[in-house]
């Protein structure tokens, strides 16, 4: 396990560092609390935190497994919140999990597979003690807002790639690897939607429900998080529609170009059928055929072939088959 940070706060200021094995006395007021941030803990270390802060065994079990969808669970006077992080790695969306234990005097964040540490967030909050002094519910909001803000760069990167792919579709045929990429992006966006839906429910519960450790004054802050999630969800829906349009437009262009080639081949086949048919007739080698003894028959036949082929060419040219 990596203990990223563990501090005792009072009145919005960092007082001292604490150990996960340390027993913290009951706080005198809401502005005094412990904020512990850990990453990829072992089972034994979470059991220590469970014993020191009275964490519910089911919540601890979920935090150990790290395979939960976003949710909010209530255990007596404590909250257990699970949020999913997202980051773009080599063109694919990678997901992590952050489990958050919230009590009246403590907030514990447990990160699994998240590329973004909370160090910058902690520094930002410590620079604004007027918010930090309000207690753990404001810290919970800040952590969720930090996680949701990480979604936007992911969606914007995918959006740039999708728009570039849309432009390439207009200019040329899509290659096989580009079609594979379209389907890969569609799968990634569908998976992302499966995360955004539960995340929206989490924020919605924090806004609407009367939950322990959450004061009514903080609900507008969680409402702002909900708005951010909805904004990202709307962008993801739009990107899925664009990808569908790109694929359908590519198919239409493919059909149009295939039809044009087919028309050209049909026109040339019709033109070439004229000399083929005439040559086939005169190539049958019957002894008693008319015009075989005609003095200028050869040149007449060539002229007839040239006139008919020219007429067909002009006709096909006018109807834009050639």
C-alpha atoms as a PDB file:
ATOM      1  CA  UNK A   1       0.000   0.000   0.000  1.00  0.00           C
ATOM      2  CA  UNK A   2       0.994   3.589  -0.521  1.00  0.00           C
ATOM      3  CA  UNK A   3      -0.220   6.070   2.033  1.00  0.00           C
ATOM      4  CA  UNK A   4      -0.336   9.136  -0.152  1.00  0.00           C
ATOM      5  CA  UNK A   5      -1.310  11.469   2.659  1.00  0.00           C
ATOM      6  CA  UNK A   6      -2.898  11.265   6.104  1.00  0.00           C
ATOM      7  CA  UNK A   7      -3.472  14.464   8.072  1.00  0.00           C
ATOM      8  CA  UNK A   8      -5.601  15.886  10.814  1.00  0.00           C
ATOM      9  CA  UNK A   9      -7.371  19.139   9.923  1.00  0.00           C
ATOM     10  CA  UNK A  10      -8.920  21.738  12.160  1.00  0.00           C
ATOM     11  CA  UNK A  11     -10.621  24.984  11.075  1.00  0.00           C
ATOM     12  CA  UNK A  12      -9.503  24.424   7.486  1.00  0.00           C
ATOM     13  CA  UNK A  13      -5.818  24.042   8.364  1.00  0.00           C
ATOM     14  CA  UNK A  14      -3.528  21.060   8.412  1.00  0.00           C
ATOM     15  CA  UNK A  15      -2.582  20.324  12.024  1.00  0.00           C
ATOM     16  CA  UNK A  16      -0.366  17.258  11.842  1.00  0.00           C
ATOM     17  CA  UNK A  17       0.281  13.990  10.082  1.00  0.00           C
ATOM     18  CA  UNK A  18      -1.445  10.884  11.430  1.00  0.00           C
ATOM     19  CA  UNK A  19      -0.758   7.169  11.180  1.00  0.00           C
ATOM     20  CA  UNK A  20      -3.374   4.703   9.952  1.00  0.00           C
ATOM     21  CA  UNK A  21      -2.851   2.757  13.169  1.00  0.00           C
ATOM     22  CA  UNK A  22      -3.396   5.821  15.342  1.00  0.00           C
ATOM     23  CA  UNK A  23      -6.602   6.135  17.326  1.00  0.00           C
ATOM     24  CA  UNK A  24      -8.039   9.631  16.863  1.00  0.00           C
ATOM     25  CA  UNK A  25     -10.061  11.135  19.700  1.00  0.00           C
ATOM     26  CA  UNK A  26     -13.604  12.254  19.005  1.00  0.00           C
ATOM     27  CA  UNK A  27     -13.575  15.685  17.385  1.00  0.00           C
ATOM     28  CA  UNK A  28     -14.808  18.732  19.223  1.00  0.00           C
ATOM     29  CA  UNK A  29     -16.493  20.231  16.156  1.00  0.00           C
ATOM     30  CA  UNK A  30     -17.239  19.558  12.496  1.00  0.00           C
ATOM     31  CA  UNK A  31     -14.214  21.447  11.235  1.00  0.00           C
ATOM     32  CA  UNK A  32     -11.913  18.865  12.860  1.00  0.00           C
ATOM     33  CA  UNK A  33     -11.481  15.680  10.854  1.00  0.00           C
ATOM     34  CA  UNK A  34      -8.946  13.239   9.437  1.00  0.00           C
ATOM     35  CA  UNK A  35      -8.385  12.885   5.702  1.00  0.00           C
ATOM     36  CA  UNK A  36      -6.498   9.757   4.687  1.00  0.00           C
ATOM     37  CA  UNK A  37      -5.610   9.004   1.090  1.00  0.00           C
ATOM     38  CA  UNK A  38      -4.237   5.587   0.167  1.00  0.00           C
ATOM     39  CA  UNK A  39      -3.591   3.755  -3.089  1.00  0.00           C
ATOM     40  CA  UNK A  40      -3.783   0.009  -3.776  1.00  0.00           C
ATOM     41  CA  UNK A  41      -3.918  -1.085  -0.117  1.00  0.00           C
ATOM     42  CA  UNK A  42      -3.487  -4.627   1.160  1.00  0.00           C
ATOM     43  CA  UNK A  43      -6.267  -6.453   2.954  1.00  0.00           C
ATOM     44  CA  UNK A  44      -4.520  -6.160   6.331  1.00  0.00           C
ATOM     45  CA  UNK A  45      -4.082  -2.415   6.020  1.00  0.00           C
ATOM     46  CA  UNK A  46      -7.760  -1.882   5.228  1.00  0.00           C
ATOM     47  CA  UNK A  47      -8.640  -4.060   8.210  1.00  0.00           C
ATOM     48  CA  UNK A  48      -6.575  -1.719  10.373  1.00  0.00           C
ATOM     49  CA  UNK A  49      -8.546   1.260   9.087  1.00  0.00           C
ATOM     50  CA  UNK A  50     -11.750  -0.688   9.645  1.00  0.00           C
ATOM     51  CA  UNK A  51     -10.840  -1.227  13.281  1.00  0.00           C
ATOM     52  CA  UNK A  52      -9.667   2.345  13.919  1.00  0.00           C
ATOM     53  CA  UNK A  53     -12.575   4.155  12.260  1.00  0.00           C
ATOM     54  CA  UNK A  54     -15.423   1.657  12.609  1.00  0.00           C
ATOM     55  CA  UNK A  55     -15.789   1.024   8.881  1.00  0.00           C
ATOM     56  CA  UNK A  56     -18.499  -1.420   7.910  1.00  0.00           C
ATOM     57  CA  UNK A  57     -17.160  -4.870   6.898  1.00  0.00           C
ATOM     58  CA  UNK A  58     -19.236  -4.976   3.680  1.00  0.00           C
ATOM     59  CA  UNK A  59     -17.870  -1.602   2.598  1.00  0.00           C
ATOM     60  CA  UNK A  60     -14.327  -2.719   3.367  1.00  0.00           C
ATOM     61  CA  UNK A  61     -14.912  -5.890   1.345  1.00  0.00           C
ATOM     62  CA  UNK A  62     -16.068  -3.827  -1.640  1.00  0.00           C
ATOM     63  CA  UNK A  63     -13.037  -1.554  -1.322  1.00  0.00           C
ATOM     64  CA  UNK A  64     -10.738  -4.586  -1.333  1.00  0.00           C
ATOM     65  CA  UNK A  65     -12.314  -6.173  -4.427  1.00  0.00           C
ATOM     66  CA  UNK A  66     -12.307  -2.899  -6.402  1.00  0.00           C
ATOM     67  CA  UNK A  67     -14.794  -4.200  -8.972  1.00  0.00           C
ATOM     68  CA  UNK A  68     -17.833  -2.099  -8.101  1.00  0.00           C
ATOM     69  CA  UNK A  69     -19.922   0.220 -10.200  1.00  0.00           C
ATOM     70  CA  UNK A  70     -20.420   3.738  -8.808  1.00  0.00           C
ATOM     71  CA  UNK A  71     -22.804   3.691  -5.863  1.00  0.00           C
ATOM     72  CA  UNK A  72     -23.709   5.194  -2.489  1.00  0.00           C
ATOM     73  CA  UNK A  73     -24.249   2.911   0.513  1.00  0.00           C
ATOM     74  CA  UNK A  74     -25.384   3.984   3.974  1.00  0.00           C
ATOM     75  CA  UNK A  75     -24.041   2.163   7.019  1.00  0.00           C
ATOM     76  CA  UNK A  76     -25.576   3.655  10.147  1.00  0.00           C
ATOM     77  CA  UNK A  77     -23.947   7.089  10.525  1.00  0.00           C
ATOM     78  CA  UNK A  78     -21.381   6.581   7.744  1.00  0.00           C
ATOM     79  CA  UNK A  79     -21.385   6.737   3.972  1.00  0.00           C
ATOM     80  CA  UNK A  80     -19.573   4.534   1.515  1.00  0.00           C
ATOM     81  CA  UNK A  81     -19.215   6.025  -1.978  1.00  0.00           C
ATOM     82  CA  UNK A  82     -17.685   4.312  -4.996  1.00  0.00           C
ATOM     83  CA  UNK A  83     -16.646   6.376  -8.016  1.00  0.00           C
ATOM     84  CA  UNK A  84     -14.951   5.322 -11.257  1.00  0.00           C
ATOM     85  CA  UNK A  85     -12.049   7.252 -12.732  1.00  0.00           C
ATOM     86  CA  UNK A  86     -11.227   7.373 -16.434  1.00  0.00           C
ATOM     87  CA  UNK A  87      -8.105   8.219 -18.402  1.00  0.00           C
ATOM     88  CA  UNK A  88      -6.966   7.782 -21.995  1.00  0.00           C
ATOM     89  CA  UNK A  89      -4.029   5.397 -22.465  1.00  0.00           C
ATOM     90  CA  UNK A  90      -2.796   4.568 -25.990  1.00  0.00           C
ATOM     91  CA  UNK A  91      -6.142   5.547 -27.480  1.00  0.00           C
ATOM     92  CA  UNK A  92      -8.204   3.397 -25.109  1.00  0.00           C
ATOM     93  CA  UNK A  93     -10.147   4.484 -22.032  1.00  0.00           C
ATOM     94  CA  UNK A  94      -8.678   2.959 -18.871  1.00  0.00           C
ATOM     95  CA  UNK A  95     -10.769   2.858 -15.720  1.00  0.00           C
ATOM     96  CA  UNK A  96      -9.895   2.981 -12.075  1.00  0.00           C
ATOM     97  CA  UNK A  97     -11.895   2.937  -8.883  1.00  0.00           C
ATOM     98  CA  UNK A  98     -11.961   5.250  -5.895  1.00  0.00           C
ATOM     99  CA  UNK A  99     -13.739   4.069  -2.761  1.00  0.00           C
ATOM    100  CA  UNK A 100     -14.567   6.793  -0.241  1.00  0.00           C
ATOM    101  CA  UNK A 101     -15.433   6.175   3.416  1.00  0.00           C
ATOM    102  CA  UNK A 102     -17.146   9.182   4.968  1.00  0.00           C
ATOM    103  CA  UNK A 103     -17.773   9.602   8.682  1.00  0.00           C
ATOM    104  CA  UNK A 104     -18.471  12.657  10.806  1.00  0.00           C
ATOM    105  CA  UNK A 105     -14.795  12.976  11.685  1.00  0.00           C
ATOM    106  CA  UNK A 106     -12.984  11.184   8.880  1.00  0.00           C
ATOM    107  CA  UNK A 107     -12.848  10.727   5.132  1.00  0.00           C
ATOM    108  CA  UNK A 108     -10.760   7.923   3.668  1.00  0.00           C
ATOM    109  CA  UNK A 109     -10.131   7.640  -0.076  1.00  0.00           C
ATOM    110  CA  UNK A 110      -8.919   4.308  -1.449  1.00  0.00           C
ATOM    111  CA  UNK A 111      -7.666   4.434  -5.039  1.00  0.00           C
ATOM    112  CA  UNK A 112      -7.262   1.446  -7.350  1.00  0.00           C
ATOM    113  CA  UNK A 113      -5.780   1.890 -10.806  1.00  0.00           C
ATOM    114  CA  UNK A 114      -6.318   5.635 -10.919  1.00  0.00           C
ATOM    115  CA  UNK A 115      -3.652   7.557 -12.815  1.00  0.00           C
ATOM    116  CA  UNK A 116      -4.496  10.865 -11.116  1.00  0.00           C
ATOM    117  CA  UNK A 117      -3.428  11.235  -7.505  1.00  0.00           C
ATOM    118  CA  UNK A 118      -5.290  13.564  -5.144  1.00  0.00           C
ATOM    119  CA  UNK A 119      -2.166  15.500  -4.162  1.00  0.00           C
ATOM    120  CA  UNK A 120      -3.019  18.473  -6.368  1.00  0.00           C
ATOM    121  CA  UNK A 121      -6.586  18.464  -5.051  1.00  0.00           C
ATOM    122  CA  UNK A 122      -5.389  18.399  -1.457  1.00  0.00           C
ATOM    123  CA  UNK A 123      -3.041  21.311  -2.106  1.00  0.00           C
ATOM    124  CA  UNK A 124      -5.873  23.243  -3.731  1.00  0.00           C
ATOM    125  CA  UNK A 125      -8.205  22.685  -0.779  1.00  0.00           C
ATOM    126  CA  UNK A 126      -5.535  23.532   1.750  1.00  0.00           C
ATOM    127  CA  UNK A 127      -5.046  26.809  -0.091  1.00  0.00           C
ATOM    128  CA  UNK A 128      -8.762  27.553   0.464  1.00  0.00           C
ATOM    129  CA  UNK A 129      -9.361  26.900   4.174  1.00  0.00           C
ATOM    130  CA  UNK A 130     -12.779  28.563   4.065  1.00  0.00           C
ATOM    131  CA  UNK A 131     -14.135  25.504   2.245  1.00  0.00           C
ATOM    132  CA  UNK A 132     -12.017  22.907   4.002  1.00  0.00           C
ATOM    133  CA  UNK A 133     -13.201  24.085   7.401  1.00  0.00           C
ATOM    134  CA  UNK A 134     -16.788  23.060   6.594  1.00  0.00           C
ATOM    135  CA  UNK A 135     -15.925  19.397   7.032  1.00  0.00           C
ATOM    136  CA  UNK A 136     -15.888  16.052   5.296  1.00  0.00           C
ATOM    137  CA  UNK A 137     -18.911  16.636   3.026  1.00  0.00           C
ATOM    138  CA  UNK A 138     -17.095  19.458   1.251  1.00  0.00           C
ATOM    139  CA  UNK A 139     -14.051  17.223   0.851  1.00  0.00           C
ATOM    140  CA  UNK A 140     -16.303  14.496  -0.586  1.00  0.00           C
ATOM    141  CA  UNK A 141     -17.652  16.990  -3.098  1.00  0.00           C
ATOM    142  CA  UNK A 142     -14.139  18.083  -4.033  1.00  0.00           C
ATOM    143  CA  UNK A 143     -13.009  14.468  -4.605  1.00  0.00           C
ATOM    144  CA  UNK A 144     -16.034  13.629  -6.778  1.00  0.00           C
ATOM    145  CA  UNK A 145     -15.661  16.869  -8.717  1.00  0.00           C
ATOM    146  CA  UNK A 146     -11.969  16.080  -9.255  1.00  0.00           C
ATOM    147  CA  UNK A 147     -12.856  12.634 -10.611  1.00  0.00           C
ATOM    148  CA  UNK A 148     -15.605  13.930 -12.908  1.00  0.00           C
ATOM    149  CA  UNK A 149     -13.386  16.740 -14.223  1.00  0.00           C
ATOM    150  CA  UNK A 150     -11.009  14.005 -15.380  1.00  0.00           C
ATOM    151  CA  UNK A 151     -13.696  12.735 -17.759  1.00  0.00           C
ATOM    152  CA  UNK A 152     -13.692  15.849 -19.926  1.00  0.00           C
ATOM    153  CA  UNK A 153     -10.123  15.538 -21.338  1.00  0.00           C
ATOM    154  CA  UNK A 154     -10.887  11.913 -22.215  1.00  0.00           C
ATOM    155  CA  UNK A 155     -14.038  12.840 -24.128  1.00  0.00           C
ATOM    156  CA  UNK A 156     -12.352  15.791 -25.838  1.00  0.00           C
ATOM    157  CA  UNK A 157      -9.487  13.575 -27.049  1.00  0.00           C
ATOM    158  CA  UNK A 158     -11.945  11.036 -28.445  1.00  0.00           C
ATOM    159  CA  UNK A 159     -13.931  13.891 -29.999  1.00  0.00           C
ATOM    160  CA  UNK A 160     -10.847  15.194 -31.823  1.00  0.00           C
ATOM    161  CA  UNK A 161     -10.145  11.733 -33.224  1.00  0.00           C
ATOM    162  CA  UNK A 162     -13.767  11.239 -34.299  1.00  0.00           C
ATOM    163  CA  UNK A 163     -13.926  14.604 -36.082  1.00  0.00           C
ATOM    164  CA  UNK A 164     -10.636  13.892 -37.869  1.00  0.00           C
ATOM    165  CA  UNK A 165     -11.996  10.513 -38.930  1.00  0.00           C
ATOM    166  CA  UNK A 166     -15.168  12.194 -40.189  1.00  0.00           C
ATOM    167  CA  UNK A 167     -13.090  14.498 -42.404  1.00  0.00           C
ATOM    168  CA  UNK A 168     -11.030  11.603 -43.765  1.00  0.00           C
ATOM    169  CA  UNK A 169     -14.237   9.788 -44.686  1.00  0.00           C
ATOM    170  CA  UNK A 170     -15.173  12.595 -47.052  1.00  0.00           C
ATOM    171  CA  UNK A 171     -11.765  12.566 -48.739  1.00  0.00           C
ATOM    172  CA  UNK A 172     -11.149   8.879 -49.366  1.00  0.00           C
ATOM    173  CA  UNK A 173     -12.264   5.325 -48.750  1.00  0.00           C
ATOM    174  CA  UNK A 174     -11.892   4.141 -45.178  1.00  0.00           C
ATOM    175  CA  UNK A 175      -9.171   1.556 -44.742  1.00  0.00           C
ATOM    176  CA  UNK A 176      -9.774  -1.627 -42.791  1.00  0.00           C
ATOM    177  CA  UNK A 177      -7.876  -0.372 -39.752  1.00  0.00           C
ATOM    178  CA  UNK A 178      -9.988   2.809 -39.744  1.00  0.00           C
ATOM    179  CA  UNK A 179     -13.217   0.797 -39.762  1.00  0.00           C
ATOM    180  CA  UNK A 180     -11.853  -1.324 -36.917  1.00  0.00           C
ATOM    181  CA  UNK A 181     -11.079   1.878 -35.033  1.00  0.00           C
ATOM    182  CA  UNK A 182     -14.665   3.093 -35.485  1.00  0.00           C
ATOM    183  CA  UNK A 183     -16.026  -0.055 -33.874  1.00  0.00           C
ATOM    184  CA  UNK A 184     -13.381   0.105 -31.125  1.00  0.00           C
ATOM    185  CA  UNK A 185     -14.376   3.684 -30.291  1.00  0.00           C
ATOM    186  CA  UNK A 186     -18.053   2.730 -30.249  1.00  0.00           C
ATOM    187  CA  UNK A 187     -17.290  -0.035 -27.754  1.00  0.00           C
ATOM    188  CA  UNK A 188     -15.259   2.364 -25.613  1.00  0.00           C
ATOM    189  CA  UNK A 189     -18.067   4.934 -25.573  1.00  0.00           C
ATOM    190  CA  UNK A 190     -20.659   2.301 -24.670  1.00  0.00           C
ATOM    191  CA  UNK A 191     -18.496   1.210 -21.733  1.00  0.00           C
ATOM    192  CA  UNK A 192     -18.074   4.834 -20.724  1.00  0.00           C
ATOM    193  CA  UNK A 193     -21.850   5.315 -20.733  1.00  0.00           C
ATOM    194  CA  UNK A 194     -22.144   2.364 -18.355  1.00  0.00           C
ATOM    195  CA  UNK A 195     -19.960   4.313 -15.938  1.00  0.00           C
ATOM    196  CA  UNK A 196     -21.628   7.691 -16.432  1.00  0.00           C
ATOM    197  CA  UNK A 197     -25.107   6.339 -15.681  1.00  0.00           C
ATOM    198  CA  UNK A 198     -24.283   5.096 -12.157  1.00  0.00           C
ATOM    199  CA  UNK A 199     -22.089   8.153 -11.514  1.00  0.00           C
ATOM    200  CA  UNK A 200     -25.107  10.327 -12.310  1.00  0.00           C
ATOM    201  CA  UNK A 201     -27.170   8.303  -9.826  1.00  0.00           C
ATOM    202  CA  UNK A 202     -24.498   8.806  -7.148  1.00  0.00           C
ATOM    203  CA  UNK A 203     -24.509  12.566  -7.602  1.00  0.00           C
ATOM    204  CA  UNK A 204     -28.306  12.575  -7.748  1.00  0.00           C
ATOM    205  CA  UNK A 205     -28.594  10.767  -4.411  1.00  0.00           C
ATOM    206  CA  UNK A 206     -26.182  13.190  -2.781  1.00  0.00           C
ATOM    207  CA  UNK A 207     -28.339  16.053  -4.062  1.00  0.00           C
ATOM    208  CA  UNK A 208     -31.799  14.698  -3.230  1.00  0.00           C
ATOM    209  CA  UNK A 209     -31.512  12.363  -0.258  1.00  0.00           C
ATOM    210  CA  UNK A 210     -31.051  13.168   3.397  1.00  0.00           C
ATOM    211  CA  UNK A 211     -27.789  11.322   4.051  1.00  0.00           C
ATOM    212  CA  UNK A 212     -25.577  11.095   7.123  1.00  0.00           C
ATOM    213  CA  UNK A 213     -22.488  13.339   7.129  1.00  0.00           C
ATOM    214  CA  UNK A 214     -23.989  15.475   4.336  1.00  0.00           C
ATOM    215  CA  UNK A 215     -25.367  18.883   5.274  1.00  0.00           C
ATOM    216  CA  UNK A 216     -28.088  20.546   3.234  1.00  0.00           C
ATOM    217  CA  UNK A 217     -25.734  23.461   2.499  1.00  0.00           C
ATOM    218  CA  UNK A 218     -23.510  21.191   0.401  1.00  0.00           C
ATOM    219  CA  UNK A 219     -26.261  19.966  -1.929  1.00  0.00           C
ATOM    220  CA  UNK A 220     -25.758  22.777  -4.474  1.00  0.00           C
ATOM    221  CA  UNK A 221     -22.125  21.667  -4.750  1.00  0.00           C
ATOM    222  CA  UNK A 222     -23.150  18.085  -5.536  1.00  0.00           C
ATOM    223  CA  UNK A 223     -25.705  19.468  -7.990  1.00  0.00           C
ATOM    224  CA  UNK A 224     -22.806  21.084  -9.831  1.00  0.00           C
ATOM    225  CA  UNK A 225     -21.089  17.674 -10.026  1.00  0.00           C
ATOM    226  CA  UNK A 226     -24.308  16.207 -11.431  1.00  0.00           C
ATOM    227  CA  UNK A 227     -24.403  18.921 -14.106  1.00  0.00           C
ATOM    228  CA  UNK A 228     -20.826  18.085 -15.120  1.00  0.00           C
ATOM    229  CA  UNK A 229     -21.675  14.393 -15.437  1.00  0.00           C
ATOM    230  CA  UNK A 230     -24.705  15.183 -17.575  1.00  0.00           C
ATOM    231  CA  UNK A 231     -22.593  17.410 -19.784  1.00  0.00           C
ATOM    232  CA  UNK A 232     -20.078  14.618 -20.362  1.00  0.00           C
ATOM    233  CA  UNK A 233     -22.912  12.124 -20.965  1.00  0.00           C
ATOM    234  CA  UNK A 234     -24.389  14.443 -23.598  1.00  0.00           C
ATOM    235  CA  UNK A 235     -21.011  14.710 -25.326  1.00  0.00           C
ATOM    236  CA  UNK A 236     -20.633  10.918 -25.320  1.00  0.00           C
ATOM    237  CA  UNK A 237     -24.103  10.504 -26.841  1.00  0.00           C
ATOM    238  CA  UNK A 238     -23.167  13.015 -29.540  1.00  0.00           C
ATOM    239  CA  UNK A 239     -19.922  11.197 -30.306  1.00  0.00           C
ATOM    240  CA  UNK A 240     -21.759   7.895 -30.690  1.00  0.00           C
ATOM    241  CA  UNK A 241     -24.119   9.543 -33.157  1.00  0.00           C
ATOM    242  CA  UNK A 242     -21.185  11.004 -35.100  1.00  0.00           C
ATOM    243  CA  UNK A 243     -19.481   7.591 -35.246  1.00  0.00           C
ATOM    244  CA  UNK A 244     -22.685   6.029 -36.544  1.00  0.00           C
ATOM    245  CA  UNK A 245     -22.958   8.812 -39.118  1.00  0.00           C
ATOM    246  CA  UNK A 246     -19.321   8.349 -40.172  1.00  0.00           C
ATOM    247  CA  UNK A 247     -19.873   4.634 -40.713  1.00  0.00           C
ATOM    248  CA  UNK A 248     -23.159   5.146 -42.582  1.00  0.00           C
ATOM    249  CA  UNK A 249     -21.690   7.959 -44.681  1.00  0.00           C
ATOM    250  CA  UNK A 250     -18.699   5.786 -45.539  1.00  0.00           C
ATOM    251  CA  UNK A 251     -21.067   3.021 -46.656  1.00  0.00           C
ATOM    252  CA  UNK A 252     -23.034   5.458 -48.804  1.00  0.00           C
ATOM    253  CA  UNK A 253     -19.879   6.765 -50.452  1.00  0.00           C
ATOM    254  CA  UNK A 254     -18.704   3.207 -50.998  1.00  0.00           C
ATOM    255  CA  UNK A 255     -21.999   2.308 -52.655  1.00  0.00           C
ATOM    256  CA  UNK A 256     -21.928   5.477 -54.745  1.00  0.00           C
ATOM    257  CA  UNK A 257     -18.394   4.869 -55.962  1.00  0.00           C
ATOM    258  CA  UNK A 258     -19.141   1.207 -56.599  1.00  0.00           C
ATOM    259  CA  UNK A 259     -22.236   2.209 -58.592  1.00  0.00           C
ATOM    260  CA  UNK A 260     -20.194   4.674 -60.659  1.00  0.00           C
ATOM    261  CA  UNK A 261     -17.612   2.003 -61.462  1.00  0.00           C
ATOM    262  CA  UNK A 262     -20.374  -0.464 -62.315  1.00  0.00           C
ATOM    263  CA  UNK A 263     -21.970   2.038 -64.713  1.00  0.00           C
ATOM    264  CA  UNK A 264     -18.628   2.692 -66.386  1.00  0.00           C
ATOM    265  CA  UNK A 265     -17.990  -1.016 -66.846  1.00  0.00           C
ATOM    266  CA  UNK A 266     -21.517  -1.509 -68.225  1.00  0.00           C
ATOM    267  CA  UNK A 267     -21.077   1.389 -70.682  1.00  0.00           C
ATOM    268  CA  UNK A 268     -17.755   0.079 -72.000  1.00  0.00           C
ATOM    269  CA  UNK A 269     -19.204  -3.429 -72.226  1.00  0.00           C
ATOM    270  CA  UNK A 270     -22.090  -2.098 -74.324  1.00  0.00           C
ATOM    271  CA  UNK A 271     -19.689  -0.248 -76.622  1.00  0.00           C
ATOM    272  CA  UNK A 272     -17.405  -3.267 -77.039  1.00  0.00           C
ATOM    273  CA  UNK A 273     -20.401  -5.534 -77.660  1.00  0.00           C
ATOM    274  CA  UNK A 274     -20.986  -3.872 -81.058  1.00  0.00           C
ATOM    275  CA  UNK A 275     -17.699  -4.890 -82.764  1.00  0.00           C
ATOM    276  CA  UNK A 276     -17.786  -8.201 -80.912  1.00  0.00           C
ATOM    277  CA  UNK A 277     -21.238  -9.026 -82.276  1.00  0.00           C
ATOM    278  CA  UNK A 278     -20.419  -7.977 -85.875  1.00  0.00           C
ATOM    279  CA  UNK A 279     -17.063  -9.749 -85.831  1.00  0.00           C
ATOM    280  CA  UNK A 280     -18.769 -12.821 -84.408  1.00  0.00           C
ATOM    281  CA  UNK A 281     -21.277 -12.889 -87.245  1.00  0.00           C
ATOM    282  CA  UNK A 282     -18.658 -12.573 -89.960  1.00  0.00           C
ATOM    283  CA  UNK A 283     -16.363 -15.006 -88.228  1.00  0.00           C
ATOM    284  CA  UNK A 284     -18.730 -17.964 -88.624  1.00  0.00           C
ATOM    285  CA  UNK A 285     -16.969 -18.998 -91.898  1.00  0.00           C
ATOM    286  CA  UNK A 286     -20.060 -20.112 -93.830  1.00  0.00           C
ATOM    287  CA  UNK A 287     -19.434 -20.400 -97.563  1.00  0.00           C
ATOM    288  CA  UNK A 288     -22.653 -18.804 -98.731  1.00  0.00           C
ATOM    289  CA  UNK A 289     -22.895 -15.569 -96.715  1.00  0.00           C
ATOM    290  CA  UNK A 290     -24.139 -12.282 -98.207  1.00  0.00           C
ATOM    291  CA  UNK A 291     -21.719  -9.402 -98.709  1.00  0.00           C
ATOM    292  CA  UNK A 292     -18.679 -11.743 -98.699  1.00  0.00           C
ATOM    293  CA  UNK A 293     -17.898 -10.735-102.285  1.00  0.00           C
ATOM    294  CA  UNK A 294     -18.659  -7.023-101.803  1.00  0.00           C
ATOM    295  CA  UNK A 295     -15.714  -4.939-102.988  1.00  0.00           C
ATOM    296  CA  UNK A 296     -15.784  -2.362-100.164  1.00  0.00           C
ATOM    297  CA  UNK A 297     -17.577  -4.503 -97.578  1.00  0.00           C
ATOM    298  CA  UNK A 298     -14.628  -4.537 -95.156  1.00  0.00           C
ATOM    299  CA  UNK A 299     -14.451  -0.751 -94.968  1.00  0.00           C
ATOM    300  CA  UNK A 300     -18.222  -0.434 -94.723  1.00  0.00           C
ATOM    301  CA  UNK A 301     -18.322  -2.791 -91.735  1.00  0.00           C
ATOM    302  CA  UNK A 302     -15.518  -0.889 -90.011  1.00  0.00           C
ATOM    303  CA  UNK A 303     -17.376   2.355 -90.622  1.00  0.00           C
ATOM    304  CA  UNK A 304     -20.610   0.960 -89.232  1.00  0.00           C
ATOM    305  CA  UNK A 305     -18.765  -0.256 -86.137  1.00  0.00           C
ATOM    306  CA  UNK A 306     -17.104   3.144 -85.639  1.00  0.00           C
ATOM    307  CA  UNK A 307     -20.385   5.063 -86.050  1.00  0.00           C
ATOM    308  CA  UNK A 308     -22.330   2.881 -83.637  1.00  0.00           C
ATOM    309  CA  UNK A 309     -19.523   2.874 -81.013  1.00  0.00           C
ATOM    310  CA  UNK A 310     -19.142   6.641 -81.281  1.00  0.00           C
ATOM    311  CA  UNK A 311     -22.886   7.170 -80.902  1.00  0.00           C
ATOM    312  CA  UNK A 312     -22.956   4.945 -77.820  1.00  0.00           C
ATOM    313  CA  UNK A 313     -19.952   6.741 -76.321  1.00  0.00           C
ATOM    314  CA  UNK A 314     -21.583  10.144 -76.808  1.00  0.00           C
ATOM    315  CA  UNK A 315     -24.829   8.872 -75.315  1.00  0.00           C
ATOM    316  CA  UNK A 316     -23.160   7.419 -72.216  1.00  0.00           C
ATOM    317  CA  UNK A 317     -21.103  10.578 -71.826  1.00  0.00           C
ATOM    318  CA  UNK A 318     -24.229  12.725 -71.753  1.00  0.00           C
ATOM    319  CA  UNK A 319     -25.859  10.625 -69.061  1.00  0.00           C
ATOM    320  CA  UNK A 320     -22.555  10.645 -67.134  1.00  0.00           C
ATOM    321  CA  UNK A 321     -21.922   6.970 -67.258  1.00  0.00           C
ATOM    322  CA  UNK A 322     -18.462   7.719 -68.623  1.00  0.00           C
END
